[in-house]
Amino acid sequence: MSLAIRGISSDPAPAATVRRERRTSLTARGEPMVWLTGGGLAVATLMIAGLLLLVLFNGTLTFWPKRLVQITTRDGQTYLGEITRTETYRLSPDQLAALPATEQERIRTRGGLAERQLLRTGNFDIFGDHFKWISRQDVARTEYPAEAWTFERQEWGWFVGFLKEIRVDGKPTTQSLAELHGPARSRFHQIK
């Protein structure tokens, strides 16, 4: 029996419906791992592209010859080659004391550091070295001779020097290098 007095119902009040949102954590769906994988892929792609650019740049420099320099040292020795690297190093007190006063002062103003250059001299069959370190304080004169040549030989590697004469079939020739270049290229392919 239902009592309805002044709008009061005897029926129980309906329970408040609480709606909960369905939430799942990001880790449950794997979304952070997708982002990490994508980021890792982007970093790896950039590293590969950077490495390819580095190889391309250094490879281009390898096939583009540098200017040849002729360095005469204070003791009268002459070296011909290309400068491949320059670095600073610290001289021992004995080495510093053996230098002229002007060089000592210059090195002291640089914090005791001297400079040297690595010269690629080639000619391993003649000198037994491919490279030679030359300290700046030992240099008496530096020249850039236009008549110096570099050759890459099939045996003994890199050669650098001056042309004394050109021989064709064992006889000296008076032809210019430009005139001899075509026939030399055809002989090169015959020899190979």
N, C-alpha and C. Protein backbone atom coordinates (compact mmCIF):
# COMPACT_ATOMS: atom_id res chain seq x y z
N MET A 1 0.83 -1.14 0.00
CA MET A 1 0.00 0.00 0.00
C MET A 1 0.89 1.22 0.00
N SER A 2 0.52 2.13 -0.72
CA SER A 2 1.33 3.30 -0.92
C SER A 2 0.73 4.47 -0.21
N LEU A 3 1.54 5.10 0.55
CA LEU A 3 1.07 6.28 1.24
C LEU A 3 1.54 7.50 0.48
N ALA A 4 0.67 8.31 0.14
CA ALA A 4 1.05 9.53 -0.53
C ALA A 4 0.50 10.68 0.25
N ILE A 5 1.27 11.18 1.13
CA ILE A 5 0.83 12.30 1.92
C ILE A 5 1.66 13.49 1.49
N ARG A 6 0.96 14.43 1.15
CA ARG A 6 1.52 15.70 0.73
C ARG A 6 2.73 15.53 -0.18
N GLY A 7 2.66 14.74 -1.13
CA GLY A 7 3.70 14.60 -2.11
C GLY A 7 4.83 13.72 -1.66
N ILE A 8 4.69 13.06 -0.55
CA ILE A 8 5.75 12.17 -0.11
C ILE A 8 5.41 10.81 -0.64
N SER A 9 6.32 10.21 -1.30
CA SER A 9 6.11 8.90 -1.88
C SER A 9 6.74 7.87 -0.97
N SER A 10 6.12 6.76 -0.91
CA SER A 10 6.67 5.70 -0.09
C SER A 10 7.63 4.82 -0.88
N ASP A 11 7.68 5.07 -2.18
CA ASP A 11 8.62 4.29 -3.01
C ASP A 11 10.05 4.74 -2.69
N PRO A 12 10.92 3.78 -2.64
CA PRO A 12 12.29 4.18 -2.35
C PRO A 12 12.85 5.07 -3.46
N ALA A 13 13.70 6.00 -3.09
CA ALA A 13 14.30 6.93 -4.05
C ALA A 13 15.28 6.16 -4.93
N PRO A 14 15.27 6.51 -6.20
CA PRO A 14 16.21 5.83 -7.08
C PRO A 14 17.65 6.18 -6.68
N ALA A 15 18.51 5.21 -6.76
CA ALA A 15 19.92 5.42 -6.41
C ALA A 15 20.57 6.35 -7.44
N ALA A 16 21.41 7.21 -6.96
CA ALA A 16 22.09 8.14 -7.87
C ALA A 16 23.04 7.32 -8.75
N THR A 17 22.89 7.54 -10.02
CA THR A 17 23.72 6.82 -10.96
C THR A 17 25.04 7.56 -11.12
N VAL A 18 26.11 6.91 -10.74
CA VAL A 18 27.44 7.51 -10.87
C VAL A 18 28.09 6.88 -12.09
N ARG A 19 28.36 7.73 -13.03
CA ARG A 19 29.02 7.23 -14.24
C ARG A 19 30.52 7.46 -14.10
N ARG A 20 31.24 6.41 -14.25
CA ARG A 20 32.70 6.52 -14.21
C ARG A 20 33.22 6.49 -15.64
N GLU A 21 34.23 7.34 -15.88
CA GLU A 21 34.85 7.31 -17.20
C GLU A 21 35.76 6.10 -17.25
N ARG A 22 35.76 5.48 -18.39
CA ARG A 22 36.64 4.34 -18.55
C ARG A 22 38.03 4.88 -18.88
N ARG A 23 38.95 4.70 -17.99
CA ARG A 23 40.32 5.16 -18.19
C ARG A 23 41.23 3.96 -18.19
N THR A 24 42.16 4.03 -19.15
CA THR A 24 43.24 3.05 -19.13
C THR A 24 44.53 3.84 -19.15
N SER A 25 45.53 3.36 -18.52
CA SER A 25 46.79 4.10 -18.46
C SER A 25 47.46 4.08 -19.84
N LEU A 26 48.29 5.10 -20.04
CA LEU A 26 49.01 5.18 -21.32
C LEU A 26 49.92 3.99 -21.51
N THR A 27 50.51 3.52 -20.43
CA THR A 27 51.41 2.38 -20.56
C THR A 27 50.67 1.12 -20.94
N ALA A 28 49.42 1.03 -20.56
CA ALA A 28 48.65 -0.16 -20.93
C ALA A 28 48.40 -0.19 -22.44
N ARG A 29 48.26 0.98 -23.04
CA ARG A 29 48.04 1.02 -24.49
C ARG A 29 49.36 1.01 -25.26
N GLY A 30 50.50 1.25 -24.60
CA GLY A 30 51.80 1.21 -25.26
C GLY A 30 52.18 2.49 -25.97
N GLU A 31 51.43 3.57 -25.74
CA GLU A 31 51.70 4.82 -26.45
C GLU A 31 53.09 5.40 -26.16
N PRO A 32 53.58 5.41 -24.93
CA PRO A 32 54.93 5.93 -24.71
C PRO A 32 56.00 5.15 -25.47
N MET A 33 55.83 3.87 -25.59
CA MET A 33 56.80 3.06 -26.33
C MET A 33 56.77 3.40 -27.82
N VAL A 34 55.59 3.71 -28.33
CA VAL A 34 55.49 4.12 -29.73
C VAL A 34 56.25 5.43 -29.94
N TRP A 35 56.09 6.38 -29.01
CA TRP A 35 56.81 7.65 -29.12
C TRP A 35 58.32 7.45 -28.97
N LEU A 36 58.72 6.61 -28.04
CA LEU A 36 60.15 6.34 -27.87
C LEU A 36 60.74 5.67 -29.11
N THR A 37 60.02 4.75 -29.69
CA THR A 37 60.49 4.09 -30.90
C THR A 37 60.61 5.09 -32.05
N GLY A 38 59.61 5.95 -32.19
CA GLY A 38 59.65 6.98 -33.24
C GLY A 38 60.80 7.94 -33.03
N GLY A 39 61.03 8.35 -31.78
CA GLY A 39 62.15 9.25 -31.48
C GLY A 39 63.49 8.57 -31.75
N GLY A 40 63.60 7.31 -31.36
CA GLY A 40 64.84 6.57 -31.63
C GLY A 40 65.10 6.42 -33.11
N LEU A 41 64.05 6.19 -33.87
CA LEU A 41 64.18 6.08 -35.32
C LEU A 41 64.63 7.41 -35.93
N ALA A 42 64.06 8.51 -35.43
CA ALA A 42 64.45 9.83 -35.95
C ALA A 42 65.92 10.12 -35.63
N VAL A 43 66.35 9.81 -34.41
CA VAL A 43 67.75 10.04 -34.03
C VAL A 43 68.68 9.17 -34.87
N ALA A 44 68.32 7.90 -35.06
CA ALA A 44 69.15 7.00 -35.87
C ALA A 44 69.24 7.48 -37.31
N THR A 45 68.14 7.97 -37.86
CA THR A 45 68.13 8.47 -39.24
C THR A 45 69.04 9.70 -39.36
N LEU A 46 68.97 10.60 -38.38
CA LEU A 46 69.84 11.78 -38.40
C LEU A 46 71.31 11.39 -38.26
N MET A 47 71.60 10.41 -37.42
CA MET A 47 72.99 9.97 -37.26
C MET A 47 73.52 9.34 -38.55
N ILE A 48 72.71 8.55 -39.22
CA ILE A 48 73.14 7.93 -40.48
C ILE A 48 73.37 9.00 -41.54
N ALA A 49 72.44 9.97 -41.63
CA ALA A 49 72.60 11.04 -42.61
C ALA A 49 73.86 11.85 -42.30
N GLY A 50 74.11 12.14 -41.02
CA GLY A 50 75.32 12.87 -40.64
C GLY A 50 76.59 12.11 -40.99
N LEU A 51 76.58 10.81 -40.75
CA LEU A 51 77.75 9.99 -41.07
C LEU A 51 77.99 9.95 -42.58
N LEU A 52 76.92 9.85 -43.36
CA LEU A 52 77.07 9.86 -44.81
C LEU A 52 77.63 11.19 -45.30
N LEU A 53 77.18 12.30 -44.71
CA LEU A 53 77.71 13.61 -45.08
C LEU A 53 79.19 13.73 -44.71
N LEU A 54 79.56 13.21 -43.55
CA LEU A 54 80.96 13.23 -43.13
C LEU A 54 81.84 12.43 -44.09
N VAL A 55 81.38 11.25 -44.47
CA VAL A 55 82.13 10.41 -45.41
C VAL A 55 82.24 11.11 -46.76
N LEU A 56 81.15 11.71 -47.22
CA LEU A 56 81.16 12.42 -48.50
C LEU A 56 82.14 13.60 -48.46
N PHE A 57 82.11 14.37 -47.38
CA PHE A 57 83.00 15.52 -47.25
C PHE A 57 84.46 15.09 -47.23
N ASN A 58 84.80 14.14 -46.36
CA ASN A 58 86.19 13.69 -46.27
C ASN A 58 86.63 12.96 -47.53
N GLY A 59 85.72 12.23 -48.17
CA GLY A 59 86.06 11.56 -49.42
C GLY A 59 86.36 12.55 -50.53
N THR A 60 85.60 13.63 -50.57
CA THR A 60 85.85 14.66 -51.58
C THR A 60 87.23 15.29 -51.36
N LEU A 61 87.58 15.55 -50.10
CA LEU A 61 88.89 16.14 -49.81
C LEU A 61 90.03 15.19 -50.18
N THR A 62 89.78 13.90 -50.10
CA THR A 62 90.81 12.92 -50.45
C THR A 62 91.17 13.01 -51.92
N PHE A 63 90.17 13.20 -52.76
CA PHE A 63 90.41 13.23 -54.20
C PHE A 63 90.70 14.62 -54.74
N TRP A 64 90.67 15.62 -53.89
CA TRP A 64 90.98 16.99 -54.30
C TRP A 64 92.35 17.33 -53.73
N PRO A 65 93.40 17.34 -54.55
CA PRO A 65 94.75 17.54 -54.00
C PRO A 65 94.92 18.94 -53.41
N LYS A 66 95.69 18.98 -52.36
CA LYS A 66 96.00 20.26 -51.72
C LYS A 66 97.22 20.87 -52.40
N ARG A 67 97.46 22.11 -52.09
CA ARG A 67 98.59 22.83 -52.65
C ARG A 67 99.89 22.27 -52.08
N LEU A 68 100.87 22.08 -52.94
CA LEU A 68 102.17 21.56 -52.49
C LEU A 68 103.00 22.70 -51.92
N VAL A 69 103.67 22.41 -50.83
CA VAL A 69 104.51 23.39 -50.15
C VAL A 69 105.93 22.83 -50.05
N GLN A 70 106.90 23.73 -50.24
CA GLN A 70 108.30 23.36 -50.08
C GLN A 70 108.83 24.11 -48.87
N ILE A 71 109.22 23.34 -47.86
CA ILE A 71 109.70 23.93 -46.60
C ILE A 71 111.19 23.66 -46.47
N THR A 72 111.94 24.74 -46.23
CA THR A 72 113.37 24.63 -45.95
C THR A 72 113.56 24.92 -44.47
N THR A 73 114.22 24.00 -43.78
CA THR A 73 114.43 24.17 -42.34
C THR A 73 115.71 24.95 -42.07
N ARG A 74 115.91 25.35 -40.83
CA ARG A 74 117.09 26.14 -40.45
C ARG A 74 118.39 25.36 -40.62
N ASP A 75 118.30 24.02 -40.57
CA ASP A 75 119.52 23.22 -40.76
C ASP A 75 119.77 22.90 -42.23
N GLY A 76 118.99 23.49 -43.15
CA GLY A 76 119.25 23.37 -44.58
C GLY A 76 118.51 22.24 -45.29
N GLN A 77 117.74 21.44 -44.58
CA GLN A 77 116.99 20.37 -45.24
C GLN A 77 115.75 20.93 -45.91
N THR A 78 115.39 20.33 -47.06
CA THR A 78 114.22 20.77 -47.81
C THR A 78 113.22 19.63 -47.89
N TYR A 79 111.95 19.95 -47.63
CA TYR A 79 110.87 18.97 -47.70
C TYR A 79 109.79 19.50 -48.63
N LEU A 80 109.23 18.60 -49.44
CA LEU A 80 108.17 18.96 -50.38
C LEU A 80 106.99 18.04 -50.12
N GLY A 81 105.80 18.62 -50.01
CA GLY A 81 104.61 17.81 -49.79
C GLY A 81 103.40 18.69 -49.54
N GLU A 82 102.36 18.08 -48.98
CA GLU A 82 101.16 18.84 -48.64
C GLU A 82 100.95 18.78 -47.13
N ILE A 83 100.51 19.90 -46.58
CA ILE A 83 100.26 19.97 -45.14
C ILE A 83 98.93 19.29 -44.86
N THR A 84 98.97 18.25 -44.04
CA THR A 84 97.74 17.51 -43.74
C THR A 84 97.14 17.88 -42.40
N ARG A 85 97.98 18.35 -41.48
CA ARG A 85 97.46 18.65 -40.15
C ARG A 85 98.41 19.60 -39.45
N THR A 86 97.85 20.43 -38.57
CA THR A 86 98.63 21.34 -37.73
C THR A 86 98.20 21.13 -36.29
N GLU A 87 99.17 21.10 -35.37
CA GLU A 87 98.82 20.92 -33.97
C GLU A 87 99.77 21.70 -33.08
N THR A 88 99.36 21.90 -31.85
CA THR A 88 100.22 22.54 -30.86
C THR A 88 100.72 21.47 -29.89
N TYR A 89 101.90 21.71 -29.36
CA TYR A 89 102.48 20.78 -28.39
C TYR A 89 103.37 21.57 -27.43
N ARG A 90 103.68 20.96 -26.30
CA ARG A 90 104.49 21.62 -25.29
C ARG A 90 105.96 21.19 -25.44
N LEU A 91 106.83 22.18 -25.50
CA LEU A 91 108.27 21.92 -25.60
C LEU A 91 108.85 21.63 -24.22
N SER A 92 109.87 20.79 -24.19
CA SER A 92 110.58 20.55 -22.93
C SER A 92 111.46 21.77 -22.64
N PRO A 93 111.85 21.98 -21.39
CA PRO A 93 112.71 23.14 -21.08
C PRO A 93 114.02 23.13 -21.87
N ASP A 94 114.58 21.96 -22.12
CA ASP A 94 115.83 21.88 -22.90
C ASP A 94 115.61 22.32 -24.34
N GLN A 95 114.50 21.88 -24.93
CA GLN A 95 114.19 22.27 -26.31
C GLN A 95 113.95 23.77 -26.39
N LEU A 96 113.25 24.32 -25.41
CA LEU A 96 112.96 25.75 -25.40
C LEU A 96 114.25 26.56 -25.25
N ALA A 97 115.18 26.11 -24.42
CA ALA A 97 116.44 26.83 -24.20
C ALA A 97 117.32 26.81 -25.44
N ALA A 98 117.17 25.82 -26.32
CA ALA A 98 118.00 25.72 -27.52
C ALA A 98 117.53 26.66 -28.63
N LEU A 99 116.37 27.26 -28.48
CA LEU A 99 115.81 28.13 -29.53
C LEU A 99 116.33 29.55 -29.40
N PRO A 100 116.28 30.32 -30.51
CA PRO A 100 116.64 31.74 -30.44
C PRO A 100 115.68 32.49 -29.50
N ALA A 101 116.14 33.62 -29.00
CA ALA A 101 115.37 34.39 -28.01
C ALA A 101 114.00 34.81 -28.55
N THR A 102 113.94 35.19 -29.83
CA THR A 102 112.65 35.62 -30.40
C THR A 102 111.65 34.47 -30.42
N GLU A 103 112.12 33.28 -30.76
CA GLU A 103 111.23 32.11 -30.77
C GLU A 103 110.80 31.74 -29.35
N GLN A 104 111.74 31.84 -28.40
CA GLN A 104 111.40 31.55 -27.01
C GLN A 104 110.30 32.47 -26.51
N GLU A 105 110.42 33.74 -26.84
CA GLU A 105 109.42 34.72 -26.41
C GLU A 105 108.07 34.45 -27.06
N ARG A 106 108.09 34.13 -28.34
CA ARG A 106 106.83 33.84 -29.04
C ARG A 106 106.13 32.63 -28.43
N ILE A 107 106.89 31.61 -28.09
CA ILE A 107 106.31 30.40 -27.50
C ILE A 107 105.82 30.68 -26.08
N ARG A 108 106.53 31.51 -25.34
CA ARG A 108 106.09 31.84 -23.97
C ARG A 108 104.78 32.64 -24.00
N THR A 109 104.62 33.52 -24.99
CA THR A 109 103.38 34.29 -25.08
C THR A 109 102.19 33.40 -25.44
N ARG A 110 102.46 32.25 -26.01
CA ARG A 110 101.39 31.29 -26.34
C ARG A 110 101.19 30.27 -25.22
N GLY A 111 101.70 30.57 -24.05
CA GLY A 111 101.51 29.67 -22.93
C GLY A 111 102.44 28.47 -22.94
N GLY A 112 103.58 28.60 -23.61
CA GLY A 112 104.54 27.50 -23.67
C GLY A 112 104.24 26.48 -24.75
N LEU A 113 103.29 26.79 -25.62
CA LEU A 113 102.91 25.86 -26.68
C LEU A 113 103.56 26.23 -28.00
N ALA A 114 104.16 25.26 -28.65
CA ALA A 114 104.75 25.45 -29.97
C ALA A 114 103.81 24.82 -31.00
N GLU A 115 104.02 25.16 -32.25
CA GLU A 115 103.16 24.65 -33.32
C GLU A 115 104.00 23.82 -34.29
N ARG A 116 103.41 22.74 -34.78
CA ARG A 116 104.09 21.92 -35.79
C ARG A 116 103.07 21.48 -36.83
N GLN A 117 103.60 21.15 -38.02
CA GLN A 117 102.77 20.74 -39.14
C GLN A 117 103.17 19.34 -39.58
N LEU A 118 102.16 18.55 -39.95
CA LEU A 118 102.43 17.22 -40.49
C LEU A 118 102.42 17.35 -42.01
N LEU A 119 103.56 17.09 -42.60
CA LEU A 119 103.75 17.22 -44.05
C LEU A 119 103.70 15.83 -44.68
N ARG A 120 102.81 15.65 -45.64
CA ARG A 120 102.75 14.38 -46.37
C ARG A 120 103.79 14.45 -47.48
N THR A 121 104.89 13.77 -47.27
CA THR A 121 106.00 13.84 -48.22
C THR A 121 105.94 12.73 -49.26
N GLY A 122 105.23 11.64 -48.96
CA GLY A 122 105.18 10.52 -49.90
C GLY A 122 106.57 9.95 -50.11
N ASN A 123 106.83 9.47 -51.33
CA ASN A 123 108.16 8.98 -51.71
C ASN A 123 108.70 7.96 -50.71
N PHE A 124 107.87 7.02 -50.30
CA PHE A 124 108.28 6.03 -49.30
C PHE A 124 109.45 5.19 -49.79
N ASP A 125 109.51 4.93 -51.09
CA ASP A 125 110.60 4.13 -51.64
C ASP A 125 111.95 4.85 -51.56
N ILE A 126 111.93 6.18 -51.47
CA ILE A 126 113.17 6.95 -51.43
C ILE A 126 113.58 7.28 -49.99
N PHE A 127 112.61 7.78 -49.19
CA PHE A 127 112.94 8.26 -47.85
C PHE A 127 112.54 7.31 -46.72
N GLY A 128 111.64 6.37 -46.98
CA GLY A 128 111.20 5.45 -45.94
C GLY A 128 110.12 6.00 -45.03
N ASP A 129 109.62 7.19 -45.31
CA ASP A 129 108.54 7.80 -44.53
C ASP A 129 107.49 8.36 -45.48
N HIS A 130 106.24 8.30 -45.04
CA HIS A 130 105.16 8.93 -45.80
C HIS A 130 104.90 10.36 -45.30
N PHE A 131 105.18 10.59 -44.01
CA PHE A 131 104.87 11.87 -43.36
C PHE A 131 106.08 12.36 -42.57
N LYS A 132 106.13 13.66 -42.34
CA LYS A 132 107.22 14.26 -41.57
C LYS A 132 106.65 15.42 -40.74
N TRP A 133 106.89 15.38 -39.41
CA TRP A 133 106.51 16.50 -38.55
C TRP A 133 107.58 17.59 -38.66
N ILE A 134 107.14 18.83 -38.88
CA ILE A 134 108.07 19.95 -38.96
C ILE A 134 107.56 21.03 -38.01
N SER A 135 108.40 21.38 -37.03
CA SER A 135 108.04 22.42 -36.06
C SER A 135 108.16 23.79 -36.70
N ARG A 136 107.27 24.68 -36.34
CA ARG A 136 107.25 26.02 -36.94
C ARG A 136 108.54 26.78 -36.65
N GLN A 137 109.09 26.56 -35.47
CA GLN A 137 110.32 27.29 -35.12
C GLN A 137 111.53 26.79 -35.89
N ASP A 138 111.43 25.63 -36.54
CA ASP A 138 112.54 25.09 -37.34
C ASP A 138 112.48 25.55 -38.80
N VAL A 139 111.40 26.21 -39.20
CA VAL A 139 111.21 26.60 -40.60
C VAL A 139 111.98 27.88 -40.90
N ALA A 140 112.83 27.82 -41.94
CA ALA A 140 113.56 29.01 -42.39
C ALA A 140 112.82 29.68 -43.54
N ARG A 141 112.25 28.86 -44.45
CA ARG A 141 111.59 29.43 -45.63
C ARG A 141 110.46 28.49 -46.08
N THR A 142 109.36 29.08 -46.54
CA THR A 142 108.23 28.33 -47.07
C THR A 142 107.90 28.86 -48.46
N GLU A 143 107.83 27.94 -49.43
CA GLU A 143 107.52 28.32 -50.81
C GLU A 143 106.42 27.40 -51.34
N TYR A 144 105.73 27.87 -52.35
CA TYR A 144 104.69 27.08 -53.02
C TYR A 144 105.05 26.96 -54.50
N PRO A 145 105.93 26.02 -54.87
CA PRO A 145 106.40 25.93 -56.25
C PRO A 145 105.30 25.45 -57.20
N ALA A 146 105.12 26.19 -58.29
CA ALA A 146 104.10 25.83 -59.28
C ALA A 146 104.52 24.64 -60.12
N GLU A 147 105.82 24.39 -60.21
CA GLU A 147 106.32 23.30 -61.07
C GLU A 147 106.42 21.96 -60.34
N ALA A 148 105.97 21.88 -59.09
CA ALA A 148 105.98 20.61 -58.34
C ALA A 148 104.78 19.76 -58.76
N TRP A 149 104.99 18.44 -58.76
CA TRP A 149 103.96 17.50 -59.22
C TRP A 149 103.68 16.43 -58.17
N THR A 150 102.46 15.93 -58.22
CA THR A 150 102.05 14.81 -57.38
C THR A 150 101.56 13.70 -58.29
N PHE A 151 102.04 12.48 -58.03
CA PHE A 151 101.60 11.31 -58.80
C PHE A 151 101.19 10.21 -57.83
N GLU A 152 100.13 9.52 -58.16
CA GLU A 152 99.73 8.34 -57.40
C GLU A 152 100.18 7.14 -58.21
N ARG A 153 101.19 6.44 -57.70
CA ARG A 153 101.76 5.31 -58.42
C ARG A 153 101.05 4.01 -58.03
N GLN A 154 101.11 3.02 -58.93
CA GLN A 154 100.52 1.73 -58.61
C GLN A 154 101.36 0.98 -57.59
N GLU A 155 102.65 1.22 -57.58
CA GLU A 155 103.53 0.65 -56.57
C GLU A 155 104.17 1.79 -55.79
N TRP A 156 104.36 1.63 -54.53
CA TRP A 156 104.96 2.58 -53.62
C TRP A 156 104.09 3.79 -53.33
N GLY A 157 102.91 3.87 -53.89
CA GLY A 157 101.97 4.93 -53.53
C GLY A 157 102.31 6.31 -54.03
N TRP A 158 102.16 7.28 -53.16
CA TRP A 158 102.20 8.70 -53.50
C TRP A 158 103.63 9.15 -53.79
N PHE A 159 103.79 9.90 -54.89
CA PHE A 159 105.09 10.47 -55.25
C PHE A 159 104.91 11.97 -55.41
N VAL A 160 105.84 12.72 -54.89
CA VAL A 160 105.82 14.17 -55.06
C VAL A 160 107.23 14.61 -55.43
N GLY A 161 107.32 15.52 -56.39
CA GLY A 161 108.64 15.98 -56.82
C GLY A 161 108.54 16.91 -58.02
N PHE A 162 109.68 17.12 -58.64
CA PHE A 162 109.79 17.98 -59.82
C PHE A 162 110.14 17.10 -61.02
N LEU A 163 109.58 17.44 -62.19
CA LEU A 163 109.91 16.69 -63.40
C LEU A 163 111.28 17.13 -63.90
N LYS A 164 112.14 16.16 -64.09
CA LYS A 164 113.46 16.44 -64.62
C LYS A 164 113.41 16.38 -66.14
N GLU A 165 112.84 15.29 -66.66
CA GLU A 165 112.65 15.15 -68.10
C GLU A 165 111.55 14.12 -68.32
N ILE A 166 111.03 14.14 -69.54
CA ILE A 166 110.02 13.17 -69.93
C ILE A 166 110.62 12.29 -71.02
N ARG A 167 110.51 11.00 -70.81
CA ARG A 167 111.05 10.05 -71.79
C ARG A 167 109.90 9.27 -72.41
N VAL A 168 109.93 9.15 -73.72
CA VAL A 168 108.98 8.33 -74.46
C VAL A 168 109.80 7.27 -75.18
N ASP A 169 109.50 6.02 -74.92
CA ASP A 169 110.23 4.89 -75.48
C ASP A 169 111.73 4.98 -75.15
N GLY A 170 112.04 5.47 -73.97
CA GLY A 170 113.43 5.53 -73.52
C GLY A 170 114.21 6.73 -74.00
N LYS A 171 113.59 7.61 -74.79
CA LYS A 171 114.31 8.78 -75.32
C LYS A 171 113.68 10.06 -74.77
N PRO A 172 114.51 11.05 -74.41
CA PRO A 172 113.95 12.33 -73.95
C PRO A 172 113.13 12.99 -75.06
N THR A 173 112.06 13.63 -74.68
CA THR A 173 111.20 14.30 -75.65
C THR A 173 111.15 15.79 -75.37
N THR A 174 110.85 16.54 -76.42
CA THR A 174 110.72 17.99 -76.27
C THR A 174 109.25 18.40 -76.28
N GLN A 175 108.35 17.42 -76.38
CA GLN A 175 106.93 17.74 -76.40
C GLN A 175 106.48 18.22 -75.02
N SER A 176 105.43 19.03 -75.05
CA SER A 176 104.89 19.53 -73.78
C SER A 176 104.06 18.44 -73.10
N LEU A 177 103.78 18.66 -71.84
CA LEU A 177 102.96 17.70 -71.10
C LEU A 177 101.57 17.56 -71.70
N ALA A 178 100.99 18.66 -72.16
CA ALA A 178 99.65 18.61 -72.75
C ALA A 178 99.64 17.73 -74.00
N GLU A 179 100.70 17.81 -74.80
CA GLU A 179 100.77 16.99 -76.02
C GLU A 179 100.97 15.51 -75.69
N LEU A 180 101.62 15.21 -74.59
CA LEU A 180 101.90 13.83 -74.22
C LEU A 180 100.78 13.17 -73.42
N HIS A 181 99.85 13.95 -72.94
CA HIS A 181 98.83 13.40 -72.04
C HIS A 181 97.92 12.38 -72.73
N GLY A 182 97.43 12.66 -73.94
CA GLY A 182 96.55 11.73 -74.65
C GLY A 182 97.20 10.38 -74.91
N PRO A 183 98.38 10.36 -75.54
CA PRO A 183 99.04 9.07 -75.76
C PRO A 183 99.38 8.34 -74.46
N ALA A 184 99.70 9.07 -73.42
CA ALA A 184 100.01 8.42 -72.14
C ALA A 184 98.78 7.73 -71.57
N ARG A 185 97.62 8.36 -71.71
CA ARG A 185 96.38 7.74 -71.23
C ARG A 185 96.07 6.46 -72.00
N SER A 186 96.31 6.47 -73.32
CA SER A 186 96.03 5.26 -74.10
C SER A 186 97.02 4.15 -73.71
N ARG A 187 98.27 4.49 -73.44
CA ARG A 187 99.23 3.48 -72.99
C ARG A 187 98.87 2.95 -71.61
N PHE A 188 98.31 3.80 -70.78
CA PHE A 188 97.91 3.38 -69.44
C PHE A 188 96.87 2.26 -69.52
N HIS A 189 95.90 2.42 -70.42
CA HIS A 189 94.86 1.39 -70.57
C HIS A 189 95.43 0.12 -71.21
N GLN A 190 96.45 0.24 -72.04
CA GLN A 190 97.08 -0.95 -72.62
C GLN A 190 97.85 -1.73 -71.55
N ILE A 191 98.51 -1.01 -70.66
CA ILE A 191 99.30 -1.65 -69.61
C ILE A 191 98.39 -2.36 -68.62
N LYS A 192 97.28 -1.73 -68.30
CA LYS A 192 96.35 -2.32 -67.34
C LYS A 192 95.79 -3.58 -67.91
